[in-house]
Amino acid sequence: MPSIRKQSPSILIVPALSRFPWLVHAFSTRQGGFSKAYGGHSLNLGFTKNDSRATVERNRAALERQVGAVTGKALWPLITLRQIHSDLIHCVSRLPSEPLVGDGLITDTPEILLAIQTADCLPVILVDTKRRVVGVFHAGWHSTVQRIVEKGVGEMRGCFGTRPREIEAAIGPGIHSCCYQVGEEVRQSFESQFAYAADLFHEVKESDPVREKYPLLFLTARAPGHSELPTNIFLDLVEANRRQLIDAGVSAKNIHASPLCTSSRTDLLFSHRAEKGVTGRMMAVAGTRPK
């Protein structure tokens, strides 16, 4: 479970990962940056249309300094993706000459910082604690259905010989089941892929104070005599990714999930859904120091 580091910018650190002095990691929040586009002095790390590129670059540099991604006075190369809600994962060893497209990054090369951006989707950090391999993954529902974190474990194994039992996993803040209302098509997509899909959803009937006070107004000729209220479907994206990691061989005790819901905590976090699309972007970052 991440803990908040109160310095500016404010970031979330996972205590279980802080045990490794060679590891650099963090989940950013919205607090403590230089952007004014989204209220106050916010740490927007995405090149959004409402913020200036210079301000975002200043925020990114502040984040790198805060997490310690610095050698001497030089910031480490920050590697990002054009995210497309996919299962595409790149193994990198240097700053690419062309922008990468996908939703996952892995490396065993020291002094580069991997980053993915979120504003409701789950950020996931994987760390091979023996081989000093790190990975970051952008797990919205599309990528989760495509098993991105499960494939991420497989890519780390294929590229670097990672053993799943030696992985520590951190699931950062994202939209939780309390707020993540989805359509029937999303449930069907999960049901087509996962035997345990029923465990990932719960239903809530819409409330209607008028209907509850005057039920006779809503009588119909159809059994059981009243028109039915719509049912809303909610997805537990955290549990979906936790189950994938376990299926991939990661020990349940090595999976650490943030209790913070982006949609419920817009004071601390950006939420695309709660803020109706006008919001900044957070980052999950990971890298390693040289031996």
Protein backbone atom coordinates (compact mmCIF):
# COMPACT_ATOMS: atom_id res chain seq x y z
CA MET A 1 0.00 0.00 0.00
CA PRO A 2 1.62 3.29 -1.07
CA SER A 3 2.35 5.99 1.50
CA ILE A 4 2.30 9.69 0.68
CA ARG A 5 5.59 11.59 0.70
CA LYS A 6 4.56 15.13 1.56
CA GLN A 7 7.42 17.06 -0.01
CA SER A 8 6.77 19.06 -3.16
CA PRO A 9 5.84 17.52 -5.49
CA SER A 10 3.76 15.11 -3.43
CA ILE A 11 4.26 11.47 -4.47
CA LEU A 12 3.18 8.01 -3.33
CA ILE A 13 5.87 5.53 -2.35
CA VAL A 14 5.31 1.81 -1.68
CA PRO A 15 7.01 0.80 1.58
CA ALA A 16 7.58 -2.77 0.38
CA LEU A 17 9.55 -1.41 -2.59
CA SER A 18 11.49 1.10 -0.52
CA ARG A 19 13.44 -1.82 0.96
CA PHE A 20 15.56 -1.92 -2.19
CA PRO A 21 18.10 0.94 -2.22
CA TRP A 22 18.83 0.42 -5.91
CA LEU A 23 15.18 0.98 -6.90
CA VAL A 24 13.61 4.30 -7.89
CA HIS A 25 9.82 4.33 -8.00
CA ALA A 26 6.74 6.47 -7.36
CA PHE A 27 3.12 7.12 -8.20
CA SER A 28 2.60 10.85 -8.66
CA THR A 29 -0.36 12.83 -7.33
CA ARG A 30 -1.81 16.12 -8.58
CA GLN A 31 -0.22 18.14 -5.78
CA GLY A 32 2.90 20.27 -5.74
CA GLY A 33 3.61 21.17 -9.34
CA PHE A 34 3.71 24.28 -11.50
CA SER A 35 0.54 23.87 -13.59
CA LYS A 36 -2.37 26.25 -13.11
CA ALA A 37 -4.66 24.74 -15.74
CA TYR A 38 -6.33 22.32 -13.31
CA GLY A 39 -6.57 24.35 -10.13
CA GLY A 40 -3.88 25.57 -7.79
CA HIS A 41 -0.31 24.49 -8.40
CA SER A 42 -0.82 21.03 -9.81
CA LEU A 43 1.60 18.37 -10.99
CA ASN A 44 0.24 17.71 -14.47
CA LEU A 45 2.67 15.36 -16.22
CA GLY A 46 0.81 14.94 -19.52
CA PHE A 47 1.04 17.14 -22.60
CA THR A 48 -2.63 18.13 -22.49
CA LYS A 49 -4.25 20.84 -24.59
CA ASN A 50 -4.96 23.02 -21.54
CA ASP A 51 -1.39 23.17 -20.24
CA SER A 52 1.85 24.45 -21.75
CA ARG A 53 4.60 22.07 -22.80
CA ALA A 54 7.19 24.08 -20.88
CA THR A 55 5.20 23.77 -17.65
CA VAL A 56 4.73 20.01 -18.09
CA GLU A 57 8.45 19.56 -18.74
CA ARG A 58 9.16 21.56 -15.58
CA ASN A 59 6.79 19.28 -13.65
CA ARG A 60 8.46 16.17 -15.06
CA ALA A 61 11.89 17.43 -14.05
CA ALA A 62 10.61 18.15 -10.53
CA LEU A 63 9.23 14.61 -10.29
CA GLU A 64 12.53 13.09 -11.41
CA ARG A 65 14.44 15.07 -8.81
CA GLN A 66 11.94 14.11 -6.13
CA VAL A 67 12.27 10.37 -6.79
CA GLY A 68 16.05 10.56 -7.15
CA ALA A 69 16.32 9.83 -10.87
CA VAL A 70 19.45 11.97 -11.08
CA THR A 71 23.12 11.18 -11.65
CA GLY A 72 25.26 14.13 -10.62
CA LYS A 73 23.18 17.01 -11.92
CA ALA A 74 21.83 15.13 -14.95
CA LEU A 75 18.28 13.81 -15.00
CA TRP A 76 17.82 10.27 -16.26
CA PRO A 77 16.17 9.83 -19.67
CA LEU A 78 12.40 9.61 -19.14
CA ILE A 79 10.83 7.01 -21.44
CA THR A 80 7.10 7.32 -22.11
CA LEU A 81 4.59 5.88 -24.57
CA ARG A 82 1.77 6.97 -26.81
CA GLN A 83 -0.76 4.87 -24.95
CA ILE A 84 -3.48 3.15 -26.95
CA HIS A 85 -5.21 0.81 -24.45
CA SER A 86 -3.42 -2.24 -25.83
CA ASP A 87 -1.29 -5.18 -24.68
CA LEU A 88 1.84 -3.89 -26.45
CA ILE A 89 4.95 -3.99 -24.25
CA HIS A 90 8.39 -2.65 -25.17
CA CYS A 91 11.72 -3.85 -23.80
CA VAL A 92 14.01 -0.80 -23.78
CA SER A 93 17.65 -0.11 -22.97
CA ARG A 94 17.95 3.52 -24.07
CA LEU A 95 15.85 6.52 -25.02
CA PRO A 96 14.21 5.53 -28.33
CA SER A 97 14.80 7.61 -31.44
CA GLU A 98 11.10 7.46 -32.34
CA PRO A 99 8.08 7.69 -30.02
CA LEU A 100 6.93 4.28 -28.79
CA VAL A 101 3.32 3.16 -29.06
CA GLY A 102 1.86 0.77 -26.50
CA ASP A 103 0.98 0.40 -22.83
CA GLY A 104 3.92 -1.31 -21.14
CA LEU A 105 7.68 -0.82 -20.71
CA ILE A 106 10.33 -3.10 -19.18
CA THR A 107 14.09 -2.73 -18.71
CA ASP A 108 17.11 -3.98 -16.80
CA THR A 109 19.22 -0.96 -17.81
CA PRO A 110 20.15 1.37 -14.94
CA GLU A 111 19.67 5.13 -15.02
CA ILE A 112 16.64 5.30 -17.26
CA LEU A 113 13.19 6.07 -15.88
CA LEU A 114 10.17 4.23 -17.29
CA ALA A 115 6.82 6.03 -17.09
CA ILE A 116 3.18 5.52 -17.94
CA GLN A 117 0.44 8.14 -17.57
CA THR A 118 -2.96 7.71 -15.94
CA ALA A 119 -6.02 9.64 -14.81
CA ASP A 120 -8.34 6.71 -13.82
CA CYS A 121 -6.77 3.65 -15.45
CA LEU A 122 -4.58 1.59 -13.14
CA PRO A 123 -0.82 2.11 -13.09
CA VAL A 124 1.09 -1.07 -12.27
CA ILE A 125 4.79 -1.34 -11.34
CA LEU A 126 6.55 -4.72 -11.41
CA VAL A 127 9.99 -5.23 -9.87
CA ASP A 128 12.20 -8.30 -10.21
CA THR A 129 13.98 -8.02 -6.89
CA LYS A 130 16.79 -10.45 -7.84
CA ARG A 131 17.69 -9.36 -11.37
CA ARG A 132 16.88 -5.67 -10.93
CA VAL A 133 14.33 -5.59 -13.73
CA VAL A 134 11.47 -3.08 -13.66
CA GLY A 135 8.28 -2.71 -15.64
CA VAL A 136 5.45 -0.17 -15.77
CA PHE A 137 2.01 -0.87 -17.25
CA HIS A 138 -1.10 1.12 -18.13
CA ALA A 139 -4.05 -1.11 -17.22
CA GLY A 140 -7.41 0.32 -18.22
CA TRP A 141 -10.20 -2.15 -18.84
CA HIS A 142 -9.23 -2.72 -22.48
CA SER A 143 -5.64 -3.58 -21.59
CA THR A 144 -6.78 -5.64 -18.62
CA VAL A 145 -9.03 -7.78 -20.83
CA GLN A 146 -5.99 -8.25 -23.07
CA ARG A 147 -4.01 -9.42 -19.98
CA ILE A 148 -1.34 -6.74 -20.08
CA VAL A 149 0.09 -7.37 -16.60
CA GLU A 150 0.06 -11.13 -17.12
CA LYS A 151 1.89 -10.62 -20.41
CA GLY A 152 4.20 -8.17 -18.66
CA VAL A 153 5.34 -10.92 -16.30
CA GLY A 154 5.87 -13.15 -19.34
CA GLU A 155 7.92 -10.50 -21.14
CA MET A 156 10.13 -9.98 -18.10
CA ARG A 157 10.65 -13.72 -17.94
CA GLY A 158 11.40 -14.04 -21.66
CA CYS A 159 13.72 -11.05 -21.90
CA PHE A 160 15.55 -11.24 -18.58
CA GLY A 161 14.85 -14.63 -16.98
CA THR A 162 12.60 -13.18 -14.29
CA ARG A 163 10.97 -15.71 -11.97
CA PRO A 164 7.41 -14.63 -11.05
CA ARG A 165 7.94 -15.54 -7.38
CA GLU A 166 10.72 -12.95 -7.22
CA ILE A 167 8.46 -10.12 -8.40
CA GLU A 168 7.05 -7.42 -6.16
CA ALA A 169 4.00 -5.73 -7.72
CA ALA A 170 2.45 -2.36 -6.89
CA ILE A 171 -0.97 -1.30 -8.17
CA GLY A 172 -1.28 2.45 -7.88
CA PRO A 173 -4.31 4.73 -7.52
CA GLY A 174 -7.04 4.31 -10.11
CA ILE A 175 -10.80 4.28 -10.34
CA HIS A 176 -12.23 1.70 -7.93
CA SER A 177 -15.33 -0.44 -7.96
CA CYS A 178 -17.22 2.17 -5.90
CA CYS A 179 -17.16 4.53 -8.89
CA TYR A 180 -16.30 2.51 -12.01
CA GLN A 181 -19.67 2.10 -13.69
CA VAL A 182 -19.43 0.22 -17.01
CA GLY A 183 -21.71 -1.14 -19.69
CA GLU A 184 -22.89 -4.68 -20.28
CA GLU A 185 -20.43 -4.98 -23.17
CA VAL A 186 -17.53 -4.60 -20.74
CA ARG A 187 -18.85 -7.41 -18.56
CA GLN A 188 -19.29 -9.62 -21.60
CA SER A 189 -15.71 -8.90 -22.68
CA PHE A 190 -14.41 -10.09 -19.30
CA GLU A 191 -16.71 -13.11 -19.28
CA SER A 192 -15.28 -14.19 -22.62
CA GLN A 193 -11.74 -14.18 -21.18
CA PHE A 194 -11.86 -15.05 -17.49
CA ALA A 195 -13.60 -17.90 -15.66
CA TYR A 196 -13.75 -15.72 -12.53
CA ALA A 197 -15.30 -12.70 -14.31
CA ALA A 198 -18.45 -12.82 -12.16
CA ASP A 199 -16.30 -11.99 -9.12
CA LEU A 200 -15.16 -8.73 -10.73
CA PHE A 201 -18.57 -7.07 -11.06
CA HIS A 202 -21.37 -5.98 -8.78
CA GLU A 203 -24.75 -4.49 -9.60
CA VAL A 204 -26.59 -1.61 -7.96
CA LYS A 205 -30.17 -0.66 -8.78
CA GLU A 206 -30.74 3.02 -9.39
CA SER A 207 -32.57 4.75 -6.56
CA ASP A 208 -35.58 6.96 -7.20
CA PRO A 209 -36.98 8.88 -4.19
CA VAL A 210 -40.22 9.71 -6.03
CA ARG A 211 -40.79 6.06 -6.94
CA GLU A 212 -40.09 4.97 -3.39
CA LYS A 213 -42.55 7.51 -1.93
CA TYR A 214 -45.31 6.98 -4.51
CA PRO A 215 -45.00 3.38 -5.75
CA LEU A 216 -48.57 3.28 -7.11
CA LEU A 217 -47.65 5.85 -9.75
CA PHE A 218 -45.34 3.28 -11.33
CA LEU A 219 -47.72 0.32 -11.52
CA THR A 220 -47.70 -1.48 -14.86
CA ALA A 221 -49.64 -4.34 -16.39
CA ARG A 222 -46.50 -6.48 -16.43
CA ALA A 223 -45.65 -8.90 -13.64
CA PRO A 224 -44.74 -8.30 -10.90
CA GLY A 225 -46.75 -5.14 -11.37
CA HIS A 226 -44.12 -2.43 -11.26
CA SER A 227 -41.70 -1.19 -13.88
CA GLU A 228 -38.12 -2.11 -12.99
CA LEU A 229 -35.46 0.44 -12.18
CA PRO A 230 -32.31 0.27 -14.29
CA THR A 231 -29.38 -1.72 -12.88
CA ASN A 232 -25.91 -0.19 -12.91
CA ILE A 233 -22.83 -2.41 -13.33
CA PHE A 234 -19.54 -1.68 -11.54
CA LEU A 235 -16.14 -3.22 -12.30
CA ASP A 236 -13.37 -3.98 -9.80
CA LEU A 237 -10.33 -3.26 -11.95
CA VAL A 238 -7.93 -3.67 -9.03
CA GLU A 239 -9.08 -7.21 -8.33
CA ALA A 240 -8.97 -8.03 -12.05
CA ASN A 241 -5.29 -7.13 -12.20
CA ARG A 242 -4.49 -8.76 -8.86
CA ARG A 243 -5.98 -12.04 -10.09
CA GLN A 244 -3.96 -11.83 -13.31
CA LEU A 245 -0.74 -11.34 -11.39
CA ILE A 246 -1.51 -14.34 -9.19
CA ASP A 247 -2.31 -16.44 -12.26
CA ALA A 248 1.04 -15.37 -13.73
CA GLY A 249 2.82 -16.75 -10.65
CA VAL A 250 3.29 -13.62 -8.54
CA SER A 251 2.78 -14.37 -4.83
CA ALA A 252 -0.35 -12.74 -3.38
CA LYS A 253 1.70 -11.40 -0.45
CA ASN A 254 3.93 -9.56 -2.94
CA ILE A 255 1.06 -7.61 -4.50
CA HIS A 256 0.48 -4.18 -2.96
CA ALA A 257 -2.59 -2.18 -4.01
CA SER A 258 -3.39 1.43 -3.22
CA PRO A 259 -6.76 2.02 -1.52
CA LEU A 260 -7.07 5.41 -3.23
CA CYS A 261 -9.81 5.86 -5.82
CA THR A 262 -9.07 8.60 -8.34
CA SER A 263 -12.76 9.40 -8.86
CA SER A 264 -13.35 9.81 -5.12
CA ARG A 265 -10.16 11.76 -4.33
CA THR A 266 -9.92 14.57 -6.87
CA ASP A 267 -8.37 16.68 -4.09
CA LEU A 268 -5.28 14.46 -4.37
CA LEU A 269 -5.53 12.75 -7.75
CA PHE A 270 -6.56 13.49 -11.33
CA SER A 271 -9.70 11.72 -12.58
CA HIS A 272 -10.74 11.83 -16.22
CA ARG A 273 -14.23 10.56 -15.39
CA ALA A 274 -14.97 12.67 -12.31
CA GLU A 275 -13.61 15.82 -13.96
CA LYS A 276 -15.41 15.13 -17.24
CA GLY A 277 -12.25 14.89 -19.32
CA VAL A 278 -10.78 18.25 -18.31
CA THR A 279 -7.91 17.06 -16.14
CA GLY A 280 -4.19 16.45 -15.97
CA ARG A 281 -2.21 13.22 -16.00
CA MET A 282 -0.29 11.41 -13.27
CA MET A 283 2.66 9.09 -13.77
CA ALA A 284 3.87 5.78 -12.42
CA VAL A 285 7.67 5.69 -12.71
CA ALA A 286 10.33 3.07 -12.05
CA GLY A 287 14.05 2.72 -12.67
CA THR A 288 17.22 1.31 -11.15
CA ARG A 289 20.48 2.75 -9.88
CA PRO A 290 23.78 1.23 -11.05
CA LYS A 291 25.30 -1.60 -9.00
